[in-house]
């Protein structure tokens, strides 16, 4: 039996819980939520990273669907867009009940696995989704959202992002209250995208395990989206899980350096580095032709997992590919069918099947169950918070 055969056999018993997939946003952008136009019951290769057949081929047993909205959607517009994203996931579940199972709890995840269905959970990506309202946070939880990433790429009023200038120095007083309320309702605190100061502040406050839904190791690849070792070292005491991501510019140092050079080239030609107008893309294409983009591979991602296991321990790592949220993917991890290639690589590196079962399934299920336990305890101590940003932050 080859390593790939062994990997597929292991995933049949302990499938992947993937922490982050942006399919709902891709469906919004590419099809205006017309699920007939991009039907994941059919092969979407060339259009999406995700469809049901490839999820099955990849050994995915549970998926946190991101209900992300852009940060330029602020205030009530961000809340409305988040609700539209949630509706998209609900429509997917209604269309594909034989394959996708709504999951709200760790027990639901186990039940879906026993039925051979893919447990489907939701994660909101960015605290702008709640418009500084704890009642809105609770409403999202009621609708099925089981984690919230505290920021996306930009700061919000109460939390600093990894890719913005320091604002409040991590979390403001209201930011700490958001974390406490997430603990109370049983919503996982997701620390992907946040500044290291925010990570540390959240760990200081949270009495429930935290997650990183799609972040890799900063020691292996020095990008602010990744997790520093001192934070990884705190996960055993917290009980949380860091879920490695596959995005090349976060996992391959050469890709980080290339992206910085490409961005500088855009600015030198008078364009914003994220400009996608035809004129800007000509400049970018010329740069890529003269300076080919570095390519990440399965081994690149495995290097991160080796390091994260060494620092945090095998009980505190997982997988969050960020499919349909990135334009580029590593060779061998081209779409959601690729997870067996990563597991085969880890088998070849000497990872035990018991450790791989933790990586793929057990750690993520344990963390959600632990958050539920904390919520039950917290709810005996206090009721819903009615604190406001203005009251706590001035």
Protein backbone atom coordinates (compact mmCIF):
# COMPACT_ATOMS: atom_id res chain seq x y z
CA UNK A 1 0.00 0.00 0.00
CA UNK A 2 1.37 3.41 -0.96
CA UNK A 3 1.40 6.39 1.37
CA UNK A 4 -1.41 7.91 -0.68
CA UNK A 5 -3.49 4.75 -0.25
CA UNK A 6 -2.80 4.86 3.50
CA UNK A 7 -3.79 8.51 3.59
CA UNK A 8 -7.11 7.85 1.89
CA UNK A 9 -7.82 4.96 4.25
CA UNK A 10 -7.09 7.15 7.27
CA UNK A 11 -9.33 9.94 5.96
CA UNK A 12 -12.16 7.46 5.51
CA UNK A 13 -12.10 7.00 9.29
CA UNK A 14 -10.95 10.46 10.40
CA UNK A 15 -11.84 12.92 7.66
CA UNK A 16 -10.61 16.48 7.43
CA UNK A 17 -12.27 19.23 9.41
CA UNK A 18 -11.28 22.24 7.33
CA UNK A 19 -11.40 25.54 9.20
CA UNK A 20 -11.98 27.93 6.33
CA UNK A 21 -13.48 27.80 2.83
CA UNK A 22 -14.68 30.96 1.04
CA UNK A 23 -17.13 29.24 -1.32
CA UNK A 24 -20.07 31.49 -0.26
CA UNK A 25 -18.16 34.65 -1.23
CA UNK A 26 -17.06 33.06 -4.52
CA UNK A 27 -20.70 32.23 -5.26
CA UNK A 28 -21.67 35.83 -4.48
CA UNK A 29 -18.95 37.31 -6.69
CA UNK A 30 -19.13 34.87 -9.61
CA UNK A 31 -22.83 33.99 -9.74
CA UNK A 32 -24.75 36.48 -7.61
CA UNK A 33 -25.80 33.53 -5.44
CA UNK A 34 -27.44 31.84 -8.44
CA UNK A 35 -26.72 28.28 -7.35
CA UNK A 36 -27.94 26.90 -10.66
CA UNK A 37 -25.16 28.79 -12.48
CA UNK A 38 -22.45 27.32 -10.26
CA UNK A 39 -23.93 24.07 -9.02
CA UNK A 40 -21.50 22.28 -6.71
CA UNK A 41 -23.27 18.99 -7.48
CA UNK A 42 -21.47 19.21 -10.85
CA UNK A 43 -17.78 19.52 -11.67
CA UNK A 44 -16.70 23.13 -11.08
CA UNK A 45 -13.03 22.67 -12.00
CA UNK A 46 -11.87 25.87 -13.63
CA UNK A 47 -14.52 27.92 -11.84
CA UNK A 48 -14.21 27.02 -8.16
CA UNK A 49 -11.83 25.12 -5.90
CA UNK A 50 -14.84 23.40 -4.36
CA UNK A 51 -17.58 21.01 -5.41
CA UNK A 52 -19.13 17.97 -3.76
CA UNK A 53 -17.23 15.35 -5.76
CA UNK A 54 -13.89 16.95 -4.96
CA UNK A 55 -14.80 17.37 -1.28
CA UNK A 56 -15.48 13.63 -1.25
CA UNK A 57 -12.25 12.86 -3.08
CA UNK A 58 -10.35 15.01 -0.60
CA UNK A 59 -11.70 13.18 2.41
CA UNK A 60 -13.44 16.24 3.86
CA UNK A 61 -15.79 15.33 6.70
CA UNK A 62 -16.54 18.78 8.08
CA UNK A 63 -16.24 22.25 6.64
CA UNK A 64 -16.43 25.65 8.28
CA UNK A 65 -17.91 27.74 5.47
CA UNK A 66 -16.71 31.32 5.79
CA UNK A 67 -19.50 33.90 5.73
CA UNK A 68 -16.92 36.60 5.02
CA UNK A 69 -17.75 40.10 3.82
CA UNK A 70 -15.28 42.74 2.62
CA UNK A 71 -14.18 45.39 5.11
CA UNK A 72 -15.32 48.22 2.84
CA UNK A 73 -18.81 46.99 3.67
CA UNK A 74 -19.23 48.77 6.98
CA UNK A 75 -22.01 49.26 9.51
CA UNK A 76 -25.40 47.84 8.63
CA UNK A 77 -24.20 47.04 5.09
CA UNK A 78 -21.70 44.58 6.57
CA UNK A 79 -24.40 42.98 8.71
CA UNK A 80 -26.76 42.62 5.74
CA UNK A 81 -24.05 41.11 3.56
CA UNK A 82 -23.17 38.65 6.34
CA UNK A 83 -26.83 37.61 6.51
CA UNK A 84 -26.80 37.07 2.74
CA UNK A 85 -23.73 34.87 3.13
CA UNK A 86 -25.46 32.84 5.86
CA UNK A 87 -28.47 32.48 3.58
CA UNK A 88 -26.19 31.15 0.84
CA UNK A 89 -24.90 28.40 3.14
CA UNK A 90 -28.44 27.55 4.17
CA UNK A 91 -29.45 27.29 0.51
CA UNK A 92 -26.50 24.96 -0.17
CA UNK A 93 -27.60 22.71 2.70
CA UNK A 94 -31.18 22.67 1.44
CA UNK A 95 -30.07 21.75 -2.10
CA UNK A 96 -27.65 18.97 -1.10
CA UNK A 97 -29.04 17.18 1.97
CA UNK A 98 -27.54 13.82 1.01
CA UNK A 99 -24.04 15.28 1.12
CA UNK A 100 -24.10 18.29 3.45
CA UNK A 101 -25.41 18.22 7.02
CA UNK A 102 -26.06 21.32 9.11
CA UNK A 103 -23.88 21.18 12.21
CA UNK A 104 -24.03 23.40 15.28
CA UNK A 105 -22.26 21.23 17.85
CA UNK A 106 -19.46 18.72 18.20
CA UNK A 107 -22.13 16.03 18.53
CA UNK A 108 -23.63 17.17 15.22
CA UNK A 109 -20.20 16.78 13.61
CA UNK A 110 -19.88 13.22 14.88
CA UNK A 111 -23.42 12.40 13.77
CA UNK A 112 -22.72 13.68 10.24
CA UNK A 113 -19.55 11.60 10.11
CA UNK A 114 -21.50 8.48 11.12
CA UNK A 115 -24.00 9.20 8.33
CA UNK A 116 -21.30 9.75 5.71
CA UNK A 117 -22.27 13.39 5.25
CA UNK A 118 -20.09 16.51 5.39
CA UNK A 119 -20.79 18.47 8.56
CA UNK A 120 -21.32 22.09 7.56
CA UNK A 121 -20.59 24.87 10.02
CA UNK A 122 -20.16 28.62 9.55
CA UNK A 123 -17.54 31.15 10.58
CA UNK A 124 -17.87 34.93 10.27
CA UNK A 125 -14.64 36.52 9.05
CA UNK A 126 -14.11 39.90 10.67
CA UNK A 127 -15.64 41.72 13.62
CA UNK A 128 -17.01 44.38 11.25
CA UNK A 129 -19.75 41.79 10.62
CA UNK A 130 -21.40 42.65 13.96
CA UNK A 131 -21.24 46.46 13.62
CA UNK A 132 -20.07 46.90 17.24
CA UNK A 133 -23.20 45.17 18.54
CA UNK A 134 -23.16 42.28 20.99
CA UNK A 135 -26.82 41.62 20.21
CA UNK A 136 -25.85 41.16 16.55
CA UNK A 137 -23.10 38.77 17.67
CA UNK A 138 -25.69 36.72 19.53
CA UNK A 139 -28.02 36.79 16.51
CA UNK A 140 -25.27 35.39 14.29
CA UNK A 141 -24.72 32.60 16.81
CA UNK A 142 -28.46 31.86 16.80
CA UNK A 143 -28.29 31.60 12.99
CA UNK A 144 -25.53 29.00 13.26
CA UNK A 145 -22.26 30.93 13.15
CA UNK A 146 -19.79 29.04 15.34
CA UNK A 147 -16.68 31.18 15.09
CA UNK A 148 -15.87 34.80 14.41
CA UNK A 149 -12.49 36.00 13.20
CA UNK A 150 -11.96 39.17 15.24
CA UNK A 151 -10.65 41.18 12.25
CA UNK A 152 -10.02 40.76 8.57
CA UNK A 153 -7.30 42.75 6.76
CA UNK A 154 -8.18 46.09 8.36
CA UNK A 155 -8.46 47.26 11.95
CA UNK A 156 -11.88 47.71 13.48
CA UNK A 157 -12.77 50.04 16.33
CA UNK A 158 -11.99 47.47 18.99
CA UNK A 159 -9.32 45.15 17.54
CA UNK A 160 -6.08 45.41 15.55
CA UNK A 161 -5.47 43.49 12.34
CA UNK A 162 -2.21 41.81 11.35
CA UNK A 163 -2.08 43.81 8.12
CA UNK A 164 -2.90 47.31 9.36
CA UNK A 165 -1.14 49.90 11.53
CA UNK A 166 -1.59 49.46 15.31
CA UNK A 167 -4.80 51.10 16.50
CA UNK A 168 -5.86 50.08 19.98
CA UNK A 169 -2.81 48.01 20.86
CA UNK A 170 -4.52 44.65 20.48
CA UNK A 171 -8.02 44.70 21.96
CA UNK A 172 -9.86 47.68 23.42
CA UNK A 173 -12.03 47.25 26.55
CA UNK A 174 -15.00 46.58 24.26
CA UNK A 175 -12.88 44.05 22.34
CA UNK A 176 -12.26 42.14 25.56
CA UNK A 177 -16.03 42.21 26.20
CA UNK A 178 -16.64 40.76 22.72
CA UNK A 179 -14.34 37.85 23.59
CA UNK A 180 -16.12 37.30 26.90
CA UNK A 181 -19.52 37.32 25.18
CA UNK A 182 -18.29 34.88 22.55
CA UNK A 183 -17.20 32.59 25.39
CA UNK A 184 -20.62 32.97 27.02
CA UNK A 185 -22.61 32.02 23.91
CA UNK A 186 -20.22 29.30 22.72
CA UNK A 187 -18.79 31.01 19.65
CA UNK A 188 -15.13 30.20 19.01
CA UNK A 189 -12.72 33.15 19.02
CA UNK A 190 -10.79 32.98 15.73
CA UNK A 191 -7.41 34.72 15.75
CA UNK A 192 -6.46 34.39 12.09
CA UNK A 193 -5.91 37.82 10.49
CA UNK A 194 -5.38 39.60 13.81
CA UNK A 195 -2.21 41.31 15.03
CA UNK A 196 0.03 39.38 17.40
CA UNK A 197 -0.91 41.87 20.12
CA UNK A 198 -4.57 40.98 19.53
CA UNK A 199 -3.75 37.27 19.70
CA UNK A 200 -2.08 37.72 23.07
CA UNK A 201 -4.85 39.95 24.42
CA UNK A 202 -7.54 37.46 23.36
CA UNK A 203 -5.64 34.60 25.01
CA UNK A 204 -5.38 36.68 28.19
CA UNK A 205 -9.19 37.05 28.25
CA UNK A 206 -10.68 33.92 26.72
CA UNK A 207 -11.67 31.13 29.11
CA UNK A 208 -12.55 28.90 26.14
CA UNK A 209 -10.17 27.45 23.56
CA UNK A 210 -9.40 29.75 20.63
CA UNK A 211 -8.74 28.79 17.04
CA UNK A 212 -6.74 30.07 14.12
CA UNK A 213 -9.02 29.04 11.27
CA UNK A 214 -6.41 29.55 8.54
CA UNK A 215 -2.92 30.59 9.68
CA UNK A 216 0.53 29.06 9.44
CA UNK A 217 3.84 29.46 11.31
CA UNK A 218 5.59 32.82 11.40
CA UNK A 219 8.89 31.18 12.31
CA UNK A 220 8.78 29.16 9.07
CA UNK A 221 7.49 32.03 6.90
CA UNK A 222 7.76 35.58 8.20
CA UNK A 223 4.38 36.99 7.25
CA UNK A 224 2.18 38.92 9.72
CA UNK A 225 -0.77 36.63 8.90
CA UNK A 226 1.08 33.75 10.57
CA UNK A 227 1.32 32.80 14.24
CA UNK A 228 4.46 33.62 16.26
CA UNK A 229 6.00 30.84 18.33
CA UNK A 230 5.24 32.53 21.65
CA UNK A 231 1.54 32.43 20.78
CA UNK A 232 1.71 28.81 19.60
CA UNK A 233 3.37 27.97 22.94
CA UNK A 234 0.27 29.26 24.76
CA UNK A 235 -2.17 26.96 22.97
CA UNK A 236 -1.72 23.92 25.26
CA UNK A 237 -2.77 25.94 28.32
CA UNK A 238 -5.67 27.46 26.41
CA UNK A 239 -6.70 24.22 24.66
CA UNK A 240 -6.92 25.88 21.25
CA UNK A 241 -6.01 24.81 17.72
CA UNK A 242 -3.99 26.52 14.97
CA UNK A 243 -5.16 25.37 11.53
CA UNK A 244 -2.45 25.58 8.88
CA UNK A 245 -3.38 27.43 5.70
CA UNK A 246 -2.22 26.73 2.14
CA UNK A 247 -2.04 30.27 0.70
CA UNK A 248 1.40 30.43 -1.01
CA UNK A 249 2.15 34.02 -0.01
CA UNK A 250 1.63 33.04 3.64
CA UNK A 251 3.56 29.76 3.62
CA UNK A 252 6.52 30.21 1.25
CA UNK A 253 9.09 32.88 2.13
CA UNK A 254 10.08 33.28 -1.52
CA UNK A 255 6.42 33.99 -2.34
CA UNK A 256 6.23 36.57 0.46
CA UNK A 257 9.30 38.33 -0.93
CA UNK A 258 7.99 38.07 -4.51
CA UNK A 259 4.63 39.57 -3.50
CA UNK A 260 6.37 42.49 -1.77
CA UNK A 261 8.42 43.13 -4.91
CA UNK A 262 5.34 42.87 -7.15
CA UNK A 263 3.44 45.30 -4.92
CA UNK A 264 6.34 47.77 -4.99
CA UNK A 265 6.46 47.48 -8.78
CA UNK A 266 2.77 48.39 -8.95
CA UNK A 267 3.30 51.45 -6.75
CA UNK A 268 6.33 52.50 -8.79
CA UNK A 269 4.05 52.56 -11.85
CA UNK A 270 1.44 54.68 -10.07
CA UNK A 271 -1.04 51.92 -9.16
CA UNK A 272 -2.37 50.67 -5.85
CA UNK A 273 -0.98 47.17 -5.28
CA UNK A 274 -4.51 45.70 -5.26
CA UNK A 275 -5.61 47.53 -8.44
CA UNK A 276 -7.18 45.08 -10.91
CA UNK A 277 -8.00 47.48 -13.74
CA UNK A 278 -6.77 46.34 -17.18
CA UNK A 279 -3.95 48.90 -17.15
CA UNK A 280 -2.76 47.78 -13.71
CA UNK A 281 -2.96 44.11 -14.63
CA UNK A 282 -0.76 44.74 -17.70
CA UNK A 283 1.91 46.11 -15.36
CA UNK A 284 1.51 43.12 -13.06
CA UNK A 285 1.62 40.62 -15.95
CA UNK A 286 4.82 42.16 -17.26
CA UNK A 287 6.42 41.84 -13.83
CA UNK A 288 5.33 38.21 -13.50
CA UNK A 289 6.70 37.41 -16.95
CA UNK A 290 10.12 38.84 -16.10
CA UNK A 291 10.11 37.52 -12.53
CA UNK A 292 8.19 34.21 -12.33
CA UNK A 293 6.02 33.65 -9.29
CA UNK A 294 7.53 31.16 -6.77
CA UNK A 295 5.46 27.98 -6.39
CA UNK A 296 4.59 26.44 -3.03
CA UNK A 297 4.15 22.66 -2.74
CA UNK A 298 2.76 20.06 -0.38
CA UNK A 299 6.16 19.93 1.32
CA UNK A 300 5.96 23.67 2.01
CA UNK A 301 2.77 23.18 4.01
CA UNK A 302 4.13 20.06 5.73
CA UNK A 303 7.13 22.08 6.92
CA UNK A 304 4.74 24.41 8.74
CA UNK A 305 2.90 21.51 10.34
CA UNK A 306 6.15 19.93 11.49
CA UNK A 307 7.13 23.16 13.22
CA UNK A 308 3.68 23.87 14.67
CA UNK A 309 3.52 20.34 16.09
CA UNK A 310 6.93 20.80 17.69
CA UNK A 311 5.99 24.14 19.31
CA UNK A 312 2.29 23.73 20.18
CA UNK A 313 1.96 19.96 20.33
CA UNK A 314 -0.02 17.59 18.15
CA UNK A 315 -3.23 18.24 20.12
CA UNK A 316 -3.26 21.88 19.00
CA UNK A 317 -2.96 21.84 15.20
CA UNK A 318 -5.42 21.46 12.35
CA UNK A 319 -6.08 22.36 8.71
CA UNK A 320 -7.72 25.44 7.16
CA UNK A 321 -6.98 25.56 3.44
CA UNK A 322 -8.67 28.89 2.49
CA UNK A 323 -9.94 27.41 -0.75
CA UNK A 324 -11.97 29.76 -2.97
CA UNK A 325 -10.45 32.61 -0.99
CA UNK A 326 -7.09 32.65 -2.76
CA UNK A 327 -6.11 32.97 -6.40
CA UNK A 328 -3.13 30.65 -6.05
CA UNK A 329 -2.67 27.27 -4.37
CA UNK A 330 0.33 24.99 -3.81
CA UNK A 331 1.19 22.26 -6.28
CA UNK A 332 -0.52 19.10 -5.06
CA UNK A 333 -3.07 21.11 -3.08
CA UNK A 334 -4.76 22.64 -6.09
CA UNK A 335 -8.30 22.29 -4.74
CA UNK A 336 -10.30 20.50 -2.04
CA UNK A 337 -9.43 17.11 -3.48
CA UNK A 338 -5.79 17.55 -2.47
CA UNK A 339 -5.81 16.79 1.28
CA UNK A 340 -4.73 13.13 0.82
CA UNK A 341 -1.48 14.39 -0.74
CA UNK A 342 -0.70 16.34 2.43
CA UNK A 343 -1.53 13.39 4.70
CA UNK A 344 0.65 11.11 2.53
CA UNK A 345 3.54 13.55 2.88
CA UNK A 346 3.15 13.56 6.66
CA UNK A 347 3.03 9.75 6.72
CA UNK A 348 6.29 9.73 4.78
CA UNK A 349 7.73 12.05 7.43
CA UNK A 350 6.88 9.56 10.16
CA UNK A 351 3.69 11.03 11.57
CA UNK A 352 1.68 8.32 13.29
CA UNK A 353 -1.89 7.56 12.31
CA UNK A 354 -2.99 8.51 15.83
CA UNK A 355 -1.38 11.94 15.42
CA UNK A 356 -2.88 12.39 11.96
CA UNK A 357 -6.36 11.57 13.29
CA UNK A 358 -5.93 14.43 15.75
CA UNK A 359 -4.79 16.76 13.00
CA UNK A 360 -7.63 15.96 10.63
CA UNK A 361 -10.65 15.38 12.86
CA UNK A 362 -10.28 15.04 16.60
CA UNK A 363 -8.69 18.35 17.57
CA UNK A 364 -11.28 20.52 15.87
CA UNK A 365 -14.20 18.51 17.23
CA UNK A 366 -12.73 18.65 20.74
CA UNK A 367 -12.31 22.43 20.58
CA UNK A 368 -15.92 23.06 19.58
CA UNK A 369 -17.13 20.71 22.31
CA UNK A 370 -14.95 22.52 24.86
CA UNK A 371 -16.40 25.88 23.81
CA UNK A 372 -19.88 24.45 24.36
CA UNK A 373 -18.89 23.30 27.85
CA UNK A 374 -17.51 26.73 28.72
CA UNK A 375 -20.69 28.39 27.43
CA UNK A 376 -22.91 26.21 29.62
CA UNK A 377 -20.83 27.15 32.65
CA UNK A 378 -20.64 30.86 31.79
CA UNK A 379 -24.40 31.06 31.28
CA UNK A 380 -24.93 29.97 34.88
CA UNK A 381 -22.83 32.95 35.99
CA UNK A 382 -24.12 35.84 33.90
CA UNK A 383 -26.66 36.88 31.33
CA UNK A 384 -26.21 38.52 27.94
CA UNK A 385 -23.95 41.56 27.93
CA UNK A 386 -25.60 44.86 27.00
CA UNK A 387 -22.32 46.79 27.00
CA UNK A 388 -21.69 49.18 24.12
CA UNK A 389 -18.57 50.44 22.38
CA UNK A 390 -19.29 53.95 23.63
CA UNK A 391 -19.70 52.84 27.24
CA UNK A 392 -16.48 50.83 27.37
CA UNK A 393 -14.19 52.66 24.95
CA UNK A 394 -15.48 56.22 25.28
